[in-house]
Amino acid sequence: MGATFEARQRFSDIHAHASAIEHHQRLADQALQRARVAYDEKLYSEFWEVIKETMKALDTCQNSQTAIAINIDRYLTALENRVHDFPQWYAGLRPLQDLTPLVRELSTLKKKGDSNHEFVIIREIKTQRKLSKNSVKQSDISKGR
């Protein structure tokens, strides 16, 4: 793979992951708002679903941050000691927002849910149902269904 192809690909990947972070950060923020409402209205099952949704969105943000770091290194390496007119890796990017407030809010809400007996019972029931469904699926697979 040529250096210019590598650099173009990495530059594109950096921007794609930055967009993914912005998108999933919005999704996490919206999910946390829904989790607050679900907690206040004692919508136990919905609360845990939205907490799970938030965790997935924040996990995607973290994975994209890692991918950006790797792509920056590869972009710079591809262009190292070469005469080129490629832009800096950060050209056209908006500064990424800090995820810490969302992570703190998630942690606070999760602790509230974990300390509320009714919320914990619903989470345990959901976990048992999921385990039960998975064991039935495994049983079907082993029986050749």
C-alpha atoms as a PDB file:
ATOM      1  CA  MET A   1       0.000   0.000   0.000  1.00  0.00           C
ATOM      2  CA  GLY A   2       1.437   3.401  -0.988  1.00  0.00           C
ATOM      3  CA  ALA A   3       2.030   6.129   1.539  1.00  0.00           C
ATOM      4  CA  THR A   4      -0.466   8.488  -0.072  1.00  0.00           C
ATOM      5  CA  PHE A   5      -3.209   5.858  -0.088  1.00  0.00           C
ATOM      6  CA  GLU A   6      -2.426   5.007   3.534  1.00  0.00           C
ATOM      7  CA  ALA A   7      -2.493   8.678   4.546  1.00  0.00           C
ATOM      8  CA  ARG A   8      -5.798   9.339   2.730  1.00  0.00           C
ATOM      9  CA  GLN A   9      -7.382   6.297   4.339  1.00  0.00           C
ATOM     10  CA  ARG A  10      -6.204   7.240   7.833  1.00  0.00           C
ATOM     11  CA  PHE A  11      -7.316  10.869   7.393  1.00  0.00           C
ATOM     12  CA  SER A  12     -10.759   9.641   6.339  1.00  0.00           C
ATOM     13  CA  ASP A  13     -10.912   7.193   9.257  1.00  0.00           C
ATOM     14  CA  ILE A  14      -9.998   9.917  11.762  1.00  0.00           C
ATOM     15  CA  HIS A  15     -12.887  12.060  10.547  1.00  0.00           C
ATOM     16  CA  ALA A  16     -15.317   9.128  10.460  1.00  0.00           C
ATOM     17  CA  HIS A  17     -14.501   8.187  14.041  1.00  0.00           C
ATOM     18  CA  ALA A  18     -14.774  11.805  15.187  1.00  0.00           C
ATOM     19  CA  SER A  19     -18.263  11.942  13.652  1.00  0.00           C
ATOM     20  CA  ALA A  20     -19.131   8.648  15.338  1.00  0.00           C
ATOM     21  CA  ILE A  21     -18.087  10.075  18.700  1.00  0.00           C
ATOM     22  CA  GLU A  22     -20.255  13.159  18.232  1.00  0.00           C
ATOM     23  CA  HIS A  23     -23.221  11.015  17.167  1.00  0.00           C
ATOM     24  CA  HIS A  24     -22.930   8.497  20.002  1.00  0.00           C
ATOM     25  CA  GLN A  25     -22.298  11.233  22.525  1.00  0.00           C
ATOM     26  CA  ARG A  26     -25.655  12.772  21.554  1.00  0.00           C
ATOM     27  CA  LEU A  27     -27.296   9.349  21.811  1.00  0.00           C
ATOM     28  CA  ALA A  28     -25.809   8.836  25.291  1.00  0.00           C
ATOM     29  CA  ASP A  29     -26.982  12.255  26.432  1.00  0.00           C
ATOM     30  CA  GLN A  30     -30.507  11.606  25.145  1.00  0.00           C
ATOM     31  CA  ALA A  31     -30.540   8.166  26.761  1.00  0.00           C
ATOM     32  CA  LEU A  32     -29.456   9.616  30.105  1.00  0.00           C
ATOM     33  CA  GLN A  33     -32.320  12.095  29.923  1.00  0.00           C
ATOM     34  CA  ARG A  34     -34.719   9.202  29.340  1.00  0.00           C
ATOM     35  CA  ALA A  35     -33.124   7.251  32.207  1.00  0.00           C
ATOM     36  CA  ARG A  36     -33.716  10.156  34.601  1.00  0.00           C
ATOM     37  CA  VAL A  37     -37.380  10.262  33.609  1.00  0.00           C
ATOM     38  CA  ALA A  38     -37.707   6.459  33.842  1.00  0.00           C
ATOM     39  CA  TYR A  39     -36.184   6.499  37.329  1.00  0.00           C
ATOM     40  CA  ASP A  40     -38.400   9.339  38.532  1.00  0.00           C
ATOM     41  CA  GLU A  41     -41.492   7.614  37.140  1.00  0.00           C
ATOM     42  CA  LYS A  42     -40.402   4.214  38.507  1.00  0.00           C
ATOM     43  CA  LEU A  43     -40.316   2.631  35.066  1.00  0.00           C
ATOM     44  CA  TYR A  44     -37.968  -0.098  36.256  1.00  0.00           C
ATOM     45  CA  SER A  45     -37.520  -2.143  33.112  1.00  0.00           C
ATOM     46  CA  GLU A  46     -37.200   0.872  30.840  1.00  0.00           C
ATOM     47  CA  PHE A  47     -34.635   2.391  33.210  1.00  0.00           C
ATOM     48  CA  TRP A  48     -32.296  -0.594  32.865  1.00  0.00           C
ATOM     49  CA  GLU A  49     -32.773  -0.770  29.090  1.00  0.00           C
ATOM     50  CA  VAL A  50     -31.819   2.884  28.753  1.00  0.00           C
ATOM     51  CA  ILE A  51     -28.823   2.458  31.082  1.00  0.00           C
ATOM     52  CA  LYS A  52     -27.660  -0.383  28.831  1.00  0.00           C
ATOM     53  CA  GLU A  53     -28.207   1.796  25.743  1.00  0.00           C
ATOM     54  CA  THR A  54     -26.147   4.585  27.333  1.00  0.00           C
ATOM     55  CA  MET A  55     -23.316   2.207  28.147  1.00  0.00           C
ATOM     56  CA  LYS A  56     -23.233   0.952  24.548  1.00  0.00           C
ATOM     57  CA  ALA A  57     -23.111   4.515  23.183  1.00  0.00           C
ATOM     58  CA  LEU A  58     -20.285   5.493  25.539  1.00  0.00           C
ATOM     59  CA  ASP A  59     -18.421   2.284  24.705  1.00  0.00           C
ATOM     60  CA  THR A  60     -18.621   3.188  21.022  1.00  0.00           C
ATOM     61  CA  CYS A  61     -17.198   6.630  21.861  1.00  0.00           C
ATOM     62  CA  GLN A  62     -14.297   5.039  23.709  1.00  0.00           C
ATOM     63  CA  ASN A  63     -13.595   2.611  20.860  1.00  0.00           C
ATOM     64  CA  SER A  64     -13.620   5.494  18.374  1.00  0.00           C
ATOM     65  CA  GLN A  65     -11.218   7.477  20.552  1.00  0.00           C
ATOM     66  CA  THR A  66      -8.818   4.538  20.491  1.00  0.00           C
ATOM     67  CA  ALA A  67      -9.206   4.206  16.725  1.00  0.00           C
ATOM     68  CA  ILE A  68      -8.490   7.922  16.262  1.00  0.00           C
ATOM     69  CA  ALA A  69      -5.281   7.648  18.285  1.00  0.00           C
ATOM     70  CA  ILE A  70      -4.126   4.680  16.195  1.00  0.00           C
ATOM     71  CA  ASN A  71      -5.055   6.397  12.926  1.00  0.00           C
ATOM     72  CA  ILE A  72      -3.247   9.610  13.896  1.00  0.00           C
ATOM     73  CA  ASP A  73      -0.077   7.633  14.525  1.00  0.00           C
ATOM     74  CA  ARG A  74      -0.408   5.763  11.222  1.00  0.00           C
ATOM     75  CA  TYR A  75      -1.203   8.977   9.321  1.00  0.00           C
ATOM     76  CA  LEU A  76       1.885  10.692  10.688  1.00  0.00           C
ATOM     77  CA  THR A  77       4.039   7.620  10.060  1.00  0.00           C
ATOM     78  CA  ALA A  78       2.835   7.349   6.449  1.00  0.00           C
ATOM     79  CA  LEU A  79       3.839  10.951   5.795  1.00  0.00           C
ATOM     80  CA  GLU A  80       7.021  10.995   7.846  1.00  0.00           C
ATOM     81  CA  ASN A  81      10.065  12.283   5.924  1.00  0.00           C
ATOM     82  CA  ARG A  82       8.002  12.805   2.765  1.00  0.00           C
ATOM     83  CA  VAL A  83       7.390  15.978   0.833  1.00  0.00           C
ATOM     84  CA  HIS A  84       3.618  16.287   0.641  1.00  0.00           C
ATOM     85  CA  ASP A  85       0.728  18.711   0.670  1.00  0.00           C
ATOM     86  CA  PHE A  86      -1.514  16.662   2.959  1.00  0.00           C
ATOM     87  CA  PRO A  87      -3.312  18.615   5.682  1.00  0.00           C
ATOM     88  CA  GLN A  88      -2.644  18.190   9.374  1.00  0.00           C
ATOM     89  CA  TRP A  89      -4.617  15.242  10.739  1.00  0.00           C
ATOM     90  CA  TYR A  90      -6.923  17.581  12.682  1.00  0.00           C
ATOM     91  CA  ALA A  91      -7.830  19.778   9.698  1.00  0.00           C
ATOM     92  CA  GLY A  92     -11.590  20.294   9.557  1.00  0.00           C
ATOM     93  CA  LEU A  93     -12.302  18.620  12.897  1.00  0.00           C
ATOM     94  CA  ARG A  94     -14.264  20.288  15.649  1.00  0.00           C
ATOM     95  CA  PRO A  95     -12.855  19.763  19.132  1.00  0.00           C
ATOM     96  CA  LEU A  96     -14.400  16.715  20.723  1.00  0.00           C
ATOM     97  CA  GLN A  97     -16.462  17.226  23.842  1.00  0.00           C
ATOM     98  CA  ASP A  98     -15.349  15.727  27.130  1.00  0.00           C
ATOM     99  CA  LEU A  99     -17.194  12.485  27.901  1.00  0.00           C
ATOM    100  CA  THR A 100     -16.549  12.755  31.654  1.00  0.00           C
ATOM    101  CA  PRO A 101     -19.854  14.485  32.520  1.00  0.00           C
ATOM    102  CA  LEU A 102     -21.824  11.756  30.719  1.00  0.00           C
ATOM    103  CA  VAL A 103     -19.849   8.998  32.423  1.00  0.00           C
ATOM    104  CA  ARG A 104     -20.403  10.635  35.821  1.00  0.00           C
ATOM    105  CA  GLU A 105     -24.131  10.998  35.166  1.00  0.00           C
ATOM    106  CA  LEU A 106     -24.340   7.358  34.079  1.00  0.00           C
ATOM    107  CA  SER A 107     -22.502   6.290  37.215  1.00  0.00           C
ATOM    108  CA  THR A 108     -24.797   8.380  39.425  1.00  0.00           C
ATOM    109  CA  LEU A 109     -27.961   6.997  37.836  1.00  0.00           C
ATOM    110  CA  LYS A 110     -26.683   3.426  37.905  1.00  0.00           C
ATOM    111  CA  LYS A 111     -25.831   3.761  41.610  1.00  0.00           C
ATOM    112  CA  LYS A 112     -29.331   5.111  42.266  1.00  0.00           C
ATOM    113  CA  GLY A 113     -30.819   2.132  40.445  1.00  0.00           C
ATOM    114  CA  ASP A 114     -28.504  -0.320  42.254  1.00  0.00           C
ATOM    115  CA  SER A 115     -29.467   1.104  45.646  1.00  0.00           C
ATOM    116  CA  ASN A 116     -33.224   0.970  44.976  1.00  0.00           C
ATOM    117  CA  HIS A 117     -34.611  -2.443  45.949  1.00  0.00           C
ATOM    118  CA  GLU A 118     -37.426  -2.373  43.364  1.00  0.00           C
ATOM    119  CA  PHE A 119     -35.046  -1.477  40.536  1.00  0.00           C
ATOM    120  CA  VAL A 120     -32.638  -4.263  41.530  1.00  0.00           C
ATOM    121  CA  ILE A 121     -35.423  -6.867  41.573  1.00  0.00           C
ATOM    122  CA  ILE A 122     -36.526  -5.912  38.053  1.00  0.00           C
ATOM    123  CA  ARG A 123     -32.928  -6.064  36.797  1.00  0.00           C
ATOM    124  CA  GLU A 124     -32.502  -9.533  38.317  1.00  0.00           C
ATOM    125  CA  ILE A 125     -35.744 -10.749  36.724  1.00  0.00           C
ATOM    126  CA  LYS A 126     -34.638  -9.400  33.333  1.00  0.00           C
ATOM    127  CA  THR A 127     -31.257 -11.106  33.725  1.00  0.00           C
ATOM    128  CA  GLN A 128     -32.892 -14.424  34.628  1.00  0.00           C
ATOM    129  CA  ARG A 129     -35.244 -14.211  31.624  1.00  0.00           C
ATOM    130  CA  LYS A 130     -32.336 -13.488  29.321  1.00  0.00           C
ATOM    131  CA  LEU A 131     -30.355 -16.419  30.728  1.00  0.00           C
ATOM    132  CA  SER A 132     -33.401 -18.644  30.375  1.00  0.00           C
ATOM    133  CA  LYS A 133     -33.917 -17.614  26.732  1.00  0.00           C
ATOM    134  CA  ASN A 134     -30.242 -18.226  25.975  1.00  0.00           C
ATOM    135  CA  SER A 135     -30.328 -21.691  27.540  1.00  0.00           C
ATOM    136  CA  VAL A 136     -33.422 -22.564  25.468  1.00  0.00           C
ATOM    137  CA  LYS A 137     -31.650 -21.387  22.311  1.00  0.00           C
ATOM    138  CA  GLN A 138     -28.579 -23.466  23.211  1.00  0.00           C
ATOM    139  CA  SER A 139     -30.827 -26.461  23.836  1.00  0.00           C
ATOM    140  CA  ASP A 140     -32.483 -25.981  20.439  1.00  0.00           C
ATOM    141  CA  ILE A 141     -29.089 -25.728  18.757  1.00  0.00           C
ATOM    142  CA  SER A 142     -27.805 -28.903  20.418  1.00  0.00           C
ATOM    143  CA  LYS A 143     -30.979 -30.742  19.369  1.00  0.00           C
ATOM    144  CA  GLY A 144     -30.501 -29.584  15.769  1.00  0.00           C
ATOM    145  CA  ARG A 145     -33.599 -27.379  15.618  1.00  0.00           C
END
